[in-house]
């Protein structure tokens, strides 16, 4: 399964493509896409959209995972990043990909088992889990990979739970005969 992970932003969008096969995680590509400060917001959103359309067309992921926003202080920043996240979700949805969202807490718990892990711990786990030679230089790219890894882990857990439910449902039907 190929997963596109996205860390939303208006000035910088972190993105990463990972592949999960038989429990092995592998980084395919990752980087950041940047828009220019001072340009109109709608132009920046359009650039983000076009970039994601190109990545999806080129890399052909099976699904995407996007970080849910969490802000406490600056509402002005939260609004514009929310607009960028909306453009990101629209781009992915228009490509016909299933989209999954995870909070920073869920990402931290999935990668480290601890919801208050710091950025360095997350980056180290990204490097370790993807067998990278070094931590990705850009924080946003590392965050995008972490979001993709979170989906790979969550997908596996949900698949196991679903298959258990199917087994239980099937066995309960057998008992009724």
Protein backbone atom coordinates (compact mmCIF):
# COMPACT_ATOMS: atom_id res chain seq x y z
CA UNK A 1 0.00 0.00 0.00
CA UNK A 2 1.33 3.43 -0.99
CA UNK A 3 0.41 6.26 1.39
CA UNK A 4 0.71 10.01 0.83
CA UNK A 5 1.26 11.88 4.12
CA UNK A 6 0.65 15.62 4.23
CA UNK A 7 1.54 18.19 6.90
CA UNK A 8 -0.64 21.21 5.99
CA UNK A 9 0.62 24.77 5.83
CA UNK A 10 0.21 27.84 3.67
CA UNK A 11 3.90 28.78 3.39
CA UNK A 12 5.22 25.23 3.52
CA UNK A 13 3.46 21.93 2.93
CA UNK A 14 5.33 18.87 4.09
CA UNK A 15 4.66 15.75 2.05
CA UNK A 16 5.90 12.21 1.91
CA UNK A 17 5.12 8.97 0.13
CA UNK A 18 5.72 5.73 1.97
CA UNK A 19 5.04 2.16 1.00
CA UNK A 20 3.94 -0.56 3.39
CA UNK A 21 4.36 -4.14 2.27
CA UNK A 22 4.12 -7.14 4.59
CA UNK A 23 4.83 -4.97 7.62
CA UNK A 24 7.91 -3.29 6.08
CA UNK A 25 7.78 0.49 5.75
CA UNK A 26 9.82 2.26 3.09
CA UNK A 27 10.12 5.96 2.22
CA UNK A 28 9.61 6.54 -1.50
CA UNK A 29 9.88 10.35 -1.70
CA UNK A 30 9.51 13.27 0.70
CA UNK A 31 10.08 17.00 0.69
CA UNK A 32 8.37 20.33 1.26
CA UNK A 33 6.47 22.48 -1.18
CA UNK A 34 6.70 26.21 -0.51
CA UNK A 35 4.59 29.17 -1.58
CA UNK A 36 5.83 32.75 -1.59
CA UNK A 37 5.10 35.06 1.30
CA UNK A 38 3.18 38.13 0.16
CA UNK A 39 1.30 36.45 -2.68
CA UNK A 40 -2.48 36.41 -2.50
CA UNK A 41 -3.85 33.54 -0.44
CA UNK A 42 -5.99 32.25 -3.30
CA UNK A 43 -2.91 32.01 -5.56
CA UNK A 44 -0.99 30.15 -2.85
CA UNK A 45 -3.91 27.73 -2.40
CA UNK A 46 -4.03 27.18 -6.16
CA UNK A 47 -0.29 26.41 -6.19
CA UNK A 48 -0.71 23.89 -3.36
CA UNK A 49 -3.59 22.27 -5.25
CA UNK A 50 -1.62 21.98 -8.48
CA UNK A 51 1.41 20.60 -6.68
CA UNK A 52 -0.64 17.88 -4.97
CA UNK A 53 -2.44 16.99 -8.20
CA UNK A 54 0.98 16.47 -9.83
CA UNK A 55 2.32 14.36 -6.92
CA UNK A 56 -0.81 12.18 -6.92
CA UNK A 57 -0.66 11.74 -10.71
CA UNK A 58 3.05 10.89 -10.62
CA UNK A 59 3.25 8.69 -7.51
CA UNK A 60 -0.23 7.13 -7.61
CA UNK A 61 -0.75 6.60 -3.87
CA UNK A 62 -3.57 4.33 -2.68
CA UNK A 63 -4.69 6.74 0.04
CA UNK A 64 -3.68 9.90 1.87
CA UNK A 65 -3.33 10.91 5.49
CA UNK A 66 -3.42 14.54 6.56
CA UNK A 67 -2.69 16.06 9.94
CA UNK A 68 -5.66 17.56 11.76
CA UNK A 69 -5.00 21.09 12.90
CA UNK A 70 -4.46 22.00 16.52
CA UNK A 71 -3.90 25.62 17.47
CA UNK A 72 -4.12 27.35 20.78
CA UNK A 73 -2.67 30.82 20.29
CA UNK A 74 -2.67 32.58 16.91
CA UNK A 75 -6.15 32.49 15.35
CA UNK A 76 -4.98 34.39 12.24
CA UNK A 77 -2.47 31.63 11.46
CA UNK A 78 -5.05 28.94 12.27
CA UNK A 79 -7.48 30.37 9.72
CA UNK A 80 -5.03 30.51 6.82
CA UNK A 81 -3.59 27.07 7.61
CA UNK A 82 -7.18 25.80 7.81
CA UNK A 83 -7.75 27.20 4.33
CA UNK A 84 -4.63 25.38 3.11
CA UNK A 85 -5.82 22.15 4.73
CA UNK A 86 -9.16 22.59 2.96
CA UNK A 87 -7.40 22.96 -0.40
CA UNK A 88 -5.30 19.88 0.40
CA UNK A 89 -8.35 17.79 1.30
CA UNK A 90 -10.13 18.95 -1.85
CA UNK A 91 -7.14 18.06 -4.05
CA UNK A 92 -6.94 14.58 -2.57
CA UNK A 93 -10.69 14.04 -2.71
CA UNK A 94 -10.92 15.15 -6.33
CA UNK A 95 -8.24 12.58 -7.18
CA UNK A 96 -10.58 9.93 -5.78
CA UNK A 97 -8.30 8.90 -2.93
CA UNK A 98 -9.57 7.97 0.51
CA UNK A 99 -8.41 10.56 3.06
CA UNK A 100 -7.63 9.87 6.71
CA UNK A 101 -6.90 12.53 9.33
CA UNK A 102 -4.84 12.23 12.50
CA UNK A 103 -4.22 14.66 15.34
CA UNK A 104 -0.68 15.43 16.50
CA UNK A 105 -1.47 13.42 19.66
CA UNK A 106 -2.45 10.37 17.60
CA UNK A 107 0.76 10.66 15.54
CA UNK A 108 2.91 10.90 18.68
CA UNK A 109 1.17 7.91 20.27
CA UNK A 110 1.44 5.82 17.10
CA UNK A 111 5.16 6.45 16.65
CA UNK A 112 6.41 6.57 20.24
CA UNK A 113 3.59 5.25 22.42
CA UNK A 114 3.65 8.58 24.27
CA UNK A 115 1.31 11.48 23.45
CA UNK A 116 3.69 14.14 24.72
CA UNK A 117 6.73 13.08 22.71
CA UNK A 118 8.79 15.98 21.39
CA UNK A 119 9.72 16.69 17.77
CA UNK A 120 13.16 15.09 18.07
CA UNK A 121 11.64 11.83 19.33
CA UNK A 122 9.19 11.77 16.41
CA UNK A 123 11.94 12.55 13.90
CA UNK A 124 14.13 9.80 15.33
CA UNK A 125 11.28 7.29 15.07
CA UNK A 126 10.58 8.35 11.46
CA UNK A 127 14.24 7.75 10.63
CA UNK A 128 14.26 4.40 12.44
CA UNK A 129 10.93 3.05 11.15
CA UNK A 130 11.72 4.00 7.54
CA UNK A 131 15.34 2.86 7.80
CA UNK A 132 16.64 6.28 6.67
CA UNK A 133 20.32 7.14 6.99
CA UNK A 134 19.50 10.45 8.66
CA UNK A 135 16.58 12.46 9.99
CA UNK A 136 14.84 14.42 7.20
CA UNK A 137 16.28 17.94 7.20
CA UNK A 138 12.91 19.69 6.96
CA UNK A 139 10.62 19.28 9.99
CA UNK A 140 7.50 19.46 7.82
CA UNK A 141 8.67 16.59 5.60
CA UNK A 142 9.42 14.48 8.69
CA UNK A 143 5.96 15.32 10.05
CA UNK A 144 4.36 14.25 6.76
CA UNK A 145 6.20 10.93 6.89
CA UNK A 146 5.08 10.50 10.52
CA UNK A 147 1.45 11.07 9.46
CA UNK A 148 1.80 8.47 6.70
CA UNK A 149 3.36 5.98 9.15
CA UNK A 150 0.48 6.61 11.57
CA UNK A 151 -1.95 5.63 8.86
CA UNK A 152 0.04 2.50 8.00
CA UNK A 153 -0.15 1.44 11.66
CA UNK A 154 -3.82 2.45 12.07
CA UNK A 155 -4.83 0.71 8.86
CA UNK A 156 -3.26 -2.54 10.04
CA UNK A 157 -4.98 -2.34 13.43
CA UNK A 158 -8.35 -1.54 11.84
CA UNK A 159 -7.93 -4.37 9.30
CA UNK A 160 -7.24 -6.87 12.07
CA UNK A 161 -10.24 -5.65 14.06
CA UNK A 162 -12.46 -5.79 10.96
CA UNK A 163 -11.35 -9.32 10.13
CA UNK A 164 -12.06 -10.39 13.74
CA UNK A 165 -15.53 -8.91 13.44
CA UNK A 166 -16.10 -10.79 10.19
CA UNK A 167 -14.96 -14.04 11.78
CA UNK A 168 -17.23 -13.47 14.76
CA UNK A 169 -20.18 -12.59 12.53
CA UNK A 170 -19.57 -15.64 10.36
CA UNK A 171 -19.25 -17.96 13.35
CA UNK A 172 -22.42 -16.57 14.92
CA UNK A 173 -24.29 -17.33 11.69
CA UNK A 174 -22.98 -20.90 11.82
CA UNK A 175 -24.40 -21.33 15.33
CA UNK A 176 -27.85 -20.32 14.18
CA UNK A 177 -28.11 -23.26 11.75
